[in-house]
Amino acid sequence: MNNITTDYTMEMFKEYGDVVTPKQLKQMLGNKVGTNKIYKLLRNKEIYNKKIGSNYIIPKISVIEYLMKN
């Protein structure tokens, strides 16, 4: 991932905190991705995350990395 692309993507998601929720992830991916797909991406670790209890902790940088490789 080059710096220009990373900077652009970070700017694009500046309204989100360093850690996002599945609902915010859905917004970041454009709301065209269904809820089932969001949870499948998280369960399969296609987007790096940690599960604490029933909550997913998703670093914003993992979302950016996912978008850059797909």
PDB file of N, CA and C in Angstrom:
ATOM      1  N   MET A   1       0.859  -1.164   0.000  1.00  0.00           N
ATOM      2  CA  MET A   1       0.000   0.000   0.000  1.00  0.00           C
ATOM      3  C   MET A   1       0.905   1.226   0.000  1.00  0.00           C
ATOM      4  N   ASN A   2       0.703   2.120  -0.944  1.00  0.00           N
ATOM      5  CA  ASN A   2       1.569   3.291  -0.991  1.00  0.00           C
ATOM      6  C   ASN A   2       1.023   4.417  -0.114  1.00  0.00           C
ATOM      7  N   ASN A   3       1.871   5.378   0.192  1.00  0.00           N
ATOM      8  CA  ASN A   3       1.503   6.456   1.115  1.00  0.00           C
ATOM      9  C   ASN A   3       0.365   7.329   0.604  1.00  0.00           C
ATOM     10  N   ILE A   4       0.341   7.596  -0.698  1.00  0.00           N
ATOM     11  CA  ILE A   4      -0.713   8.446  -1.256  1.00  0.00           C
ATOM     12  C   ILE A   4      -2.066   7.779  -1.074  1.00  0.00           C
ATOM     13  N   THR A   5      -2.147   6.499  -1.385  1.00  0.00           N
ATOM     14  CA  THR A   5      -3.397   5.761  -1.235  1.00  0.00           C
ATOM     15  C   THR A   5      -3.803   5.671   0.226  1.00  0.00           C
ATOM     16  N   THR A   6      -2.853   5.389   1.096  1.00  0.00           N
ATOM     17  CA  THR A   6      -3.138   5.298   2.526  1.00  0.00           C
ATOM     18  C   THR A   6      -3.639   6.641   3.050  1.00  0.00           C
ATOM     19  N   ASP A   7      -2.981   7.722   2.682  1.00  0.00           N
ATOM     20  CA  ASP A   7      -3.395   9.053   3.121  1.00  0.00           C
ATOM     21  C   ASP A   7      -4.806   9.377   2.641  1.00  0.00           C
ATOM     22  N   TYR A   8      -5.096   9.059   1.399  1.00  0.00           N
ATOM     23  CA  TYR A   8      -6.427   9.319   0.836  1.00  0.00           C
ATOM     24  C   TYR A   8      -7.491   8.530   1.590  1.00  0.00           C
ATOM     25  N   THR A   9      -7.228   7.263   1.839  1.00  0.00           N
ATOM     26  CA  THR A   9      -8.205   6.412   2.515  1.00  0.00           C
ATOM     27  C   THR A   9      -8.397   6.859   3.952  1.00  0.00           C
ATOM     28  N   MET A  10      -7.317   7.239   4.639  1.00  0.00           N
ATOM     29  CA  MET A  10      -7.435   7.731   6.010  1.00  0.00           C
ATOM     30  C   MET A  10      -8.276   9.006   6.027  1.00  0.00           C
ATOM     31  N   GLU A  11      -8.084   9.869   5.048  1.00  0.00           N
ATOM     32  CA  GLU A  11      -8.871  11.105   4.955  1.00  0.00           C
ATOM     33  C   GLU A  11     -10.345  10.778   4.695  1.00  0.00           C
ATOM     34  N   MET A  12     -10.573   9.798   3.860  1.00  0.00           N
ATOM     35  CA  MET A  12     -11.930   9.398   3.513  1.00  0.00           C
ATOM     36  C   MET A  12     -12.695   8.909   4.745  1.00  0.00           C
ATOM     37  N   PHE A  13     -12.010   8.265   5.676  1.00  0.00           N
ATOM     38  CA  PHE A  13     -12.640   7.691   6.866  1.00  0.00           C
ATOM     39  C   PHE A  13     -12.330   8.488   8.137  1.00  0.00           C
ATOM     40  N   LYS A  14     -12.013   9.767   7.991  1.00  0.00           N
ATOM     41  CA  LYS A  14     -11.587  10.559   9.151  1.00  0.00           C
ATOM     42  C   LYS A  14     -12.677  10.719  10.203  1.00  0.00           C
ATOM     43  N   GLU A  15     -13.946  10.584   9.824  1.00  0.00           N
ATOM     44  CA  GLU A  15     -15.016  10.739  10.812  1.00  0.00           C
ATOM     45  C   GLU A  15     -15.171   9.537  11.733  1.00  0.00           C
ATOM     46  N   TYR A  16     -14.484   8.443  11.405  1.00  0.00           N
ATOM     47  CA  TYR A  16     -14.534   7.239  12.227  1.00  0.00           C
ATOM     48  C   TYR A  16     -13.361   7.227  13.205  1.00  0.00           C
ATOM     49  N   GLY A  17     -13.597   6.653  14.366  1.00  0.00           N
ATOM     50  CA  GLY A  17     -12.529   6.508  15.341  1.00  0.00           C
ATOM     51  C   GLY A  17     -11.521   5.461  14.907  1.00  0.00           C
ATOM     52  N   ASP A  18     -10.523   5.218  15.728  1.00  0.00           N
ATOM     53  CA  ASP A  18      -9.492   4.220  15.410  1.00  0.00           C
ATOM     54  C   ASP A  18     -10.044   2.802  15.416  1.00  0.00           C
ATOM     55  N   VAL A  19     -11.141   2.611  16.138  1.00  0.00           N
ATOM     56  CA  VAL A  19     -11.799   1.304  16.227  1.00  0.00           C
ATOM     57  C   VAL A  19     -13.249   1.503  15.812  1.00  0.00           C
ATOM     58  N   VAL A  20     -13.757   0.599  14.971  1.00  0.00           N
ATOM     59  CA  VAL A  20     -15.130   0.729  14.488  1.00  0.00           C
ATOM     60  C   VAL A  20     -15.963  -0.491  14.853  1.00  0.00           C
ATOM     61  N   THR A  21     -17.265  -0.320  14.776  1.00  0.00           N
ATOM     62  CA  THR A  21     -18.228  -1.383  15.051  1.00  0.00           C
ATOM     63  C   THR A  21     -18.647  -2.040  13.735  1.00  0.00           C
ATOM     64  N   PRO A  22     -19.306  -3.200  13.797  1.00  0.00           N
ATOM     65  CA  PRO A  22     -19.823  -3.797  12.560  1.00  0.00           C
ATOM     66  C   PRO A  22     -20.773  -2.853  11.810  1.00  0.00           C
ATOM     67  N   LYS A  23     -21.583  -2.099  12.532  1.00  0.00           N
ATOM     68  CA  LYS A  23     -22.504  -1.145  11.887  1.00  0.00           C
ATOM     69  C   LYS A  23     -21.717  -0.072  11.132  1.00  0.00           C
ATOM     70  N   GLN A  24     -20.648   0.435  11.749  1.00  0.00           N
ATOM     71  CA  GLN A  24     -19.810   1.435  11.082  1.00  0.00           C
ATOM     72  C   GLN A  24     -19.069   0.810   9.904  1.00  0.00           C
ATOM     73  N   LEU A  25     -18.638  -0.432  10.057  1.00  0.00           N
ATOM     74  CA  LEU A  25     -17.975  -1.139   8.955  1.00  0.00           C
ATOM     75  C   LEU A  25     -18.910  -1.212   7.759  1.00  0.00           C
ATOM     76  N   LYS A  26     -20.151  -1.522   8.001  1.00  0.00           N
ATOM     77  CA  LYS A  26     -21.145  -1.579   6.924  1.00  0.00           C
ATOM     78  C   LYS A  26     -21.243  -0.223   6.223  1.00  0.00           C
ATOM     79  N   GLN A  27     -21.240   0.865   6.989  1.00  0.00           N
ATOM     80  CA  GLN A  27     -21.268   2.202   6.402  1.00  0.00           C
ATOM     81  C   GLN A  27     -20.009   2.462   5.581  1.00  0.00           C
ATOM     82  N   MET A  28     -18.877   2.052   6.103  1.00  0.00           N
ATOM     83  CA  MET A  28     -17.604   2.278   5.418  1.00  0.00           C
ATOM     84  C   MET A  28     -17.548   1.543   4.086  1.00  0.00           C
ATOM     85  N   LEU A  29     -18.194   0.389   4.033  1.00  0.00           N
ATOM     86  CA  LEU A  29     -18.188  -0.402   2.804  1.00  0.00           C
ATOM     87  C   LEU A  29     -19.315   0.014   1.869  1.00  0.00           C
ATOM     88  N   GLY A  30     -20.041   1.047   2.244  1.00  0.00           N
ATOM     89  CA  GLY A  30     -21.021   1.624   1.336  1.00  0.00           C
ATOM     90  C   GLY A  30     -22.448   1.158   1.525  1.00  0.00           C
ATOM     91  N   ASN A  31     -22.753   0.501   2.611  1.00  0.00           N
ATOM     92  CA  ASN A  31     -24.101   0.031   2.912  1.00  0.00           C
ATOM     93  C   ASN A  31     -24.684  -0.898   1.857  1.00  0.00           C
ATOM     94  N   LYS A  32     -23.900  -1.264   0.858  1.00  0.00           N
ATOM     95  CA  LYS A  32     -24.378  -2.205  -0.147  1.00  0.00           C
ATOM     96  C   LYS A  32     -24.037  -3.635   0.232  1.00  0.00           C
ATOM     97  N   VAL A  33     -23.208  -3.760   1.240  1.00  0.00           N
ATOM     98  CA  VAL A  33     -22.831  -5.077   1.745  1.00  0.00           C
ATOM     99  C   VAL A  33     -23.827  -5.420   2.842  1.00  0.00           C
ATOM    100  N   GLY A  34     -24.419  -6.599   2.745  1.00  0.00           N
ATOM    101  CA  GLY A  34     -25.415  -6.994   3.732  1.00  0.00           C
ATOM    102  C   GLY A  34     -24.802  -7.303   5.090  1.00  0.00           C
ATOM    103  N   THR A  35     -25.652  -7.292   6.092  1.00  0.00           N
ATOM    104  CA  THR A  35     -25.219  -7.569   7.460  1.00  0.00           C
ATOM    105  C   THR A  35     -24.612  -8.964   7.578  1.00  0.00           C
ATOM    106  N   ASN A  36     -25.209  -9.939   6.920  1.00  0.00           N
ATOM    107  CA  ASN A  36     -24.665 -11.305   6.972  1.00  0.00           C
ATOM    108  C   ASN A  36     -23.252 -11.349   6.408  1.00  0.00           C
ATOM    109  N   LYS A  37     -23.023 -10.626   5.311  1.00  0.00           N
ATOM    110  CA  LYS A  37     -21.686 -10.581   4.701  1.00  0.00           C
ATOM    111  C   LYS A  37     -20.686  -9.907   5.644  1.00  0.00           C
ATOM    112  N   ILE A  38     -21.111  -8.841   6.326  1.00  0.00           N
ATOM    113  CA  ILE A  38     -20.233  -8.160   7.285  1.00  0.00           C
ATOM    114  C   ILE A  38     -19.754  -9.149   8.338  1.00  0.00           C
ATOM    115  N   TYR A  39     -20.690  -9.885   8.929  1.00  0.00           N
ATOM    116  CA  TYR A  39     -20.314 -10.831   9.985  1.00  0.00           C
ATOM    117  C   TYR A  39     -19.514 -12.011   9.438  1.00  0.00           C
ATOM    118  N   LYS A  40     -19.757 -12.393   8.189  1.00  0.00           N
ATOM    119  CA  LYS A  40     -18.948 -13.447   7.567  1.00  0.00           C
ATOM    120  C   LYS A  40     -17.508 -12.974   7.392  1.00  0.00           C
ATOM    121  N   LEU A  41     -17.316 -11.729   6.932  1.00  0.00           N
ATOM    122  CA  LEU A  41     -15.966 -11.167   6.787  1.00  0.00           C
ATOM    123  C   LEU A  41     -15.243 -11.157   8.135  1.00  0.00           C
ATOM    124  N   LEU A  42     -15.975 -10.836   9.194  1.00  0.00           N
ATOM    125  CA  LEU A  42     -15.375 -10.780  10.525  1.00  0.00           C
ATOM    126  C   LEU A  42     -15.073 -12.176  11.063  1.00  0.00           C
ATOM    127  N   ARG A  43     -16.026 -13.089  10.941  1.00  0.00           N
ATOM    128  CA  ARG A  43     -15.812 -14.467  11.426  1.00  0.00           C
ATOM    129  C   ARG A  43     -14.634 -15.138  10.728  1.00  0.00           C
ATOM    130  N   ASN A  44     -14.532 -14.907   9.416  1.00  0.00           N
ATOM    131  CA  ASN A  44     -13.462 -15.534   8.625  1.00  0.00           C
ATOM    132  C   ASN A  44     -12.141 -14.769   8.696  1.00  0.00           C
ATOM    133  N   LYS A  45     -12.122 -13.684   9.482  1.00  0.00           N
ATOM    134  CA  LYS A  45     -10.926 -12.848   9.657  1.00  0.00           C
ATOM    135  C   LYS A  45     -10.429 -12.258   8.345  1.00  0.00           C
ATOM    136  N   GLU A  46     -11.350 -12.075   7.380  1.00  0.00           N
ATOM    137  CA  GLU A  46     -10.973 -11.384   6.148  1.00  0.00           C
ATOM    138  C   GLU A  46     -10.682  -9.913   6.456  1.00  0.00           C
ATOM    139  N   ILE A  47     -11.328  -9.403   7.482  1.00  0.00           N
ATOM    140  CA  ILE A  47     -11.018  -8.095   8.047  1.00  0.00           C
ATOM    141  C   ILE A  47     -10.603  -8.375   9.482  1.00  0.00           C
ATOM    142  N   TYR A  48      -9.357  -8.056   9.811  1.00  0.00           N
ATOM    143  CA  TYR A  48      -8.829  -8.345  11.143  1.00  0.00           C
ATOM    144  C   TYR A  48      -9.710  -7.700  12.215  1.00  0.00           C
ATOM    145  N   ASN A  49      -9.977  -8.461  13.263  1.00  0.00           N
ATOM    146  CA  ASN A  49     -10.797  -7.978  14.368  1.00  0.00           C
ATOM    147  C   ASN A  49     -10.535  -8.820  15.608  1.00  0.00           C
ATOM    148  N   LYS A  50     -11.018  -8.335  16.721  1.00  0.00           N
ATOM    149  CA  LYS A  50     -11.014  -9.082  17.978  1.00  0.00           C
ATOM    150  C   LYS A  50     -12.442  -9.139  18.459  1.00  0.00           C
ATOM    151  N   LYS A  51     -12.826 -10.278  19.002  1.00  0.00           N
ATOM    152  CA  LYS A  51     -14.156 -10.405  19.566  1.00  0.00           C
ATOM    153  C   LYS A  51     -14.021 -10.431  21.078  1.00  0.00           C
ATOM    154  N   ILE A  52     -14.695  -9.506  21.737  1.00  0.00           N
ATOM    155  CA  ILE A  52     -14.685  -9.433  23.190  1.00  0.00           C
ATOM    156  C   ILE A  52     -16.130  -9.623  23.622  1.00  0.00           C
ATOM    157  N   GLY A  53     -16.392 -10.758  24.232  1.00  0.00           N
ATOM    158  CA  GLY A  53     -17.777 -11.097  24.546  1.00  0.00           C
ATOM    159  C   GLY A  53     -18.532 -11.261  23.245  1.00  0.00           C
ATOM    160  N   SER A  54     -19.608 -10.519  23.090  1.00  0.00           N
ATOM    161  CA  SER A  54     -20.375 -10.587  21.842  1.00  0.00           C
ATOM    162  C   SER A  54     -20.071  -9.398  20.922  1.00  0.00           C
ATOM    163  N   ASN A  55     -19.082  -8.591  21.295  1.00  0.00           N
ATOM    164  CA  ASN A  55     -18.745  -7.389  20.525  1.00  0.00           C
ATOM    165  C   ASN A  55     -17.500  -7.588  19.677  1.00  0.00           C
ATOM    166  N   TYR A  56     -17.563  -7.083  18.450  1.00  0.00           N
ATOM    167  CA  TYR A  56     -16.403  -7.090  17.571  1.00  0.00           C
ATOM    168  C   TYR A  56     -15.675  -5.757  17.699  1.00  0.00           C
ATOM    169  N   ILE A  57     -14.364  -5.823  17.841  1.00  0.00           N
ATOM    170  CA  ILE A  57     -13.494  -4.654  17.861  1.00  0.00           C
ATOM    171  C   ILE A  57     -12.710  -4.688  16.548  1.00  0.00           C
ATOM    172  N   ILE A  58     -12.936  -3.681  15.711  1.00  0.00           N
ATOM    173  CA  ILE A  58     -12.358  -3.678  14.361  1.00  0.00           C
ATOM    174  C   ILE A  58     -11.478  -2.434  14.199  1.00  0.00           C
ATOM    175  N   PRO A  59     -10.161  -2.614  14.109  1.00  0.00           N
ATOM    176  CA  PRO A  59      -9.305  -1.451  13.867  1.00  0.00           C
ATOM    177  C   PRO A  59      -9.600  -0.844  12.493  1.00  0.00           C
ATOM    178  N   LYS A  60      -9.718   0.463  12.433  1.00  0.00           N
ATOM    179  CA  LYS A  60      -9.998   1.149  11.164  1.00  0.00           C
ATOM    180  C   LYS A  60      -8.941   0.795  10.120  1.00  0.00           C
ATOM    181  N   ILE A  61      -7.706   0.665  10.544  1.00  0.00           N
ATOM    182  CA  ILE A  61      -6.637   0.339   9.591  1.00  0.00           C
ATOM    183  C   ILE A  61      -6.872  -1.019   8.925  1.00  0.00           C
ATOM    184  N   SER A  62      -7.528  -1.961   9.629  1.00  0.00           N
ATOM    185  CA  SER A  62      -7.828  -3.268   9.023  1.00  0.00           C
ATOM    186  C   SER A  62      -8.833  -3.125   7.893  1.00  0.00           C
ATOM    187  N   VAL A  63      -9.783  -2.208   8.058  1.00  0.00           N
ATOM    188  CA  VAL A  63     -10.765  -1.960   7.006  1.00  0.00           C
ATOM    189  C   VAL A  63     -10.055  -1.381   5.788  1.00  0.00           C
ATOM    190  N   ILE A  64      -9.157  -0.443   6.022  1.00  0.00           N
ATOM    191  CA  ILE A  64      -8.403   0.176   4.928  1.00  0.00           C
ATOM    192  C   ILE A  64      -7.549  -0.871   4.225  1.00  0.00           C
ATOM    193  N   GLU A  65      -6.879  -1.724   4.977  1.00  0.00           N
ATOM    194  CA  GLU A  65      -6.064  -2.783   4.373  1.00  0.00           C
ATOM    195  C   GLU A  65      -6.917  -3.727   3.542  1.00  0.00           C
ATOM    196  N   TYR A  66      -8.094  -4.070   4.036  1.00  0.00           N
ATOM    197  CA  TYR A  66      -9.009  -4.942   3.295  1.00  0.00           C
ATOM    198  C   TYR A  66      -9.402  -4.288   1.970  1.00  0.00           C
ATOM    199  N   LEU A  67      -9.762  -3.017   2.020  1.00  0.00           N
ATOM    200  CA  LEU A  67     -10.170  -2.314   0.804  1.00  0.00           C
ATOM    201  C   LEU A  67      -9.032  -2.201  -0.199  1.00  0.00           C
ATOM    202  N   MET A  68      -7.806  -2.044   0.283  1.00  0.00           N
ATOM    203  CA  MET A  68      -6.665  -1.881  -0.605  1.00  0.00           C
ATOM    204  C   MET A  68      -6.279  -3.182  -1.304  1.00  0.00           C
ATOM    205  N   LYS A  69      -6.579  -4.318  -0.672  1.00  0.00           N
ATOM    206  CA  LYS A  69      -6.180  -5.580  -1.302  1.00  0.00           C
ATOM    207  C   LYS A  69      -7.287  -6.203  -2.134  1.00  0.00           C
ATOM    208  N   ASN A  70      -8.486  -5.682  -2.021  1.00  0.00           N
ATOM    209  CA  ASN A  70      -9.623  -6.254  -2.767  1.00  0.00           C
ATOM    210  C   ASN A  70     -10.153  -5.326  -3.812  1.00  0.00           C
TER     211      ASN A  70
END
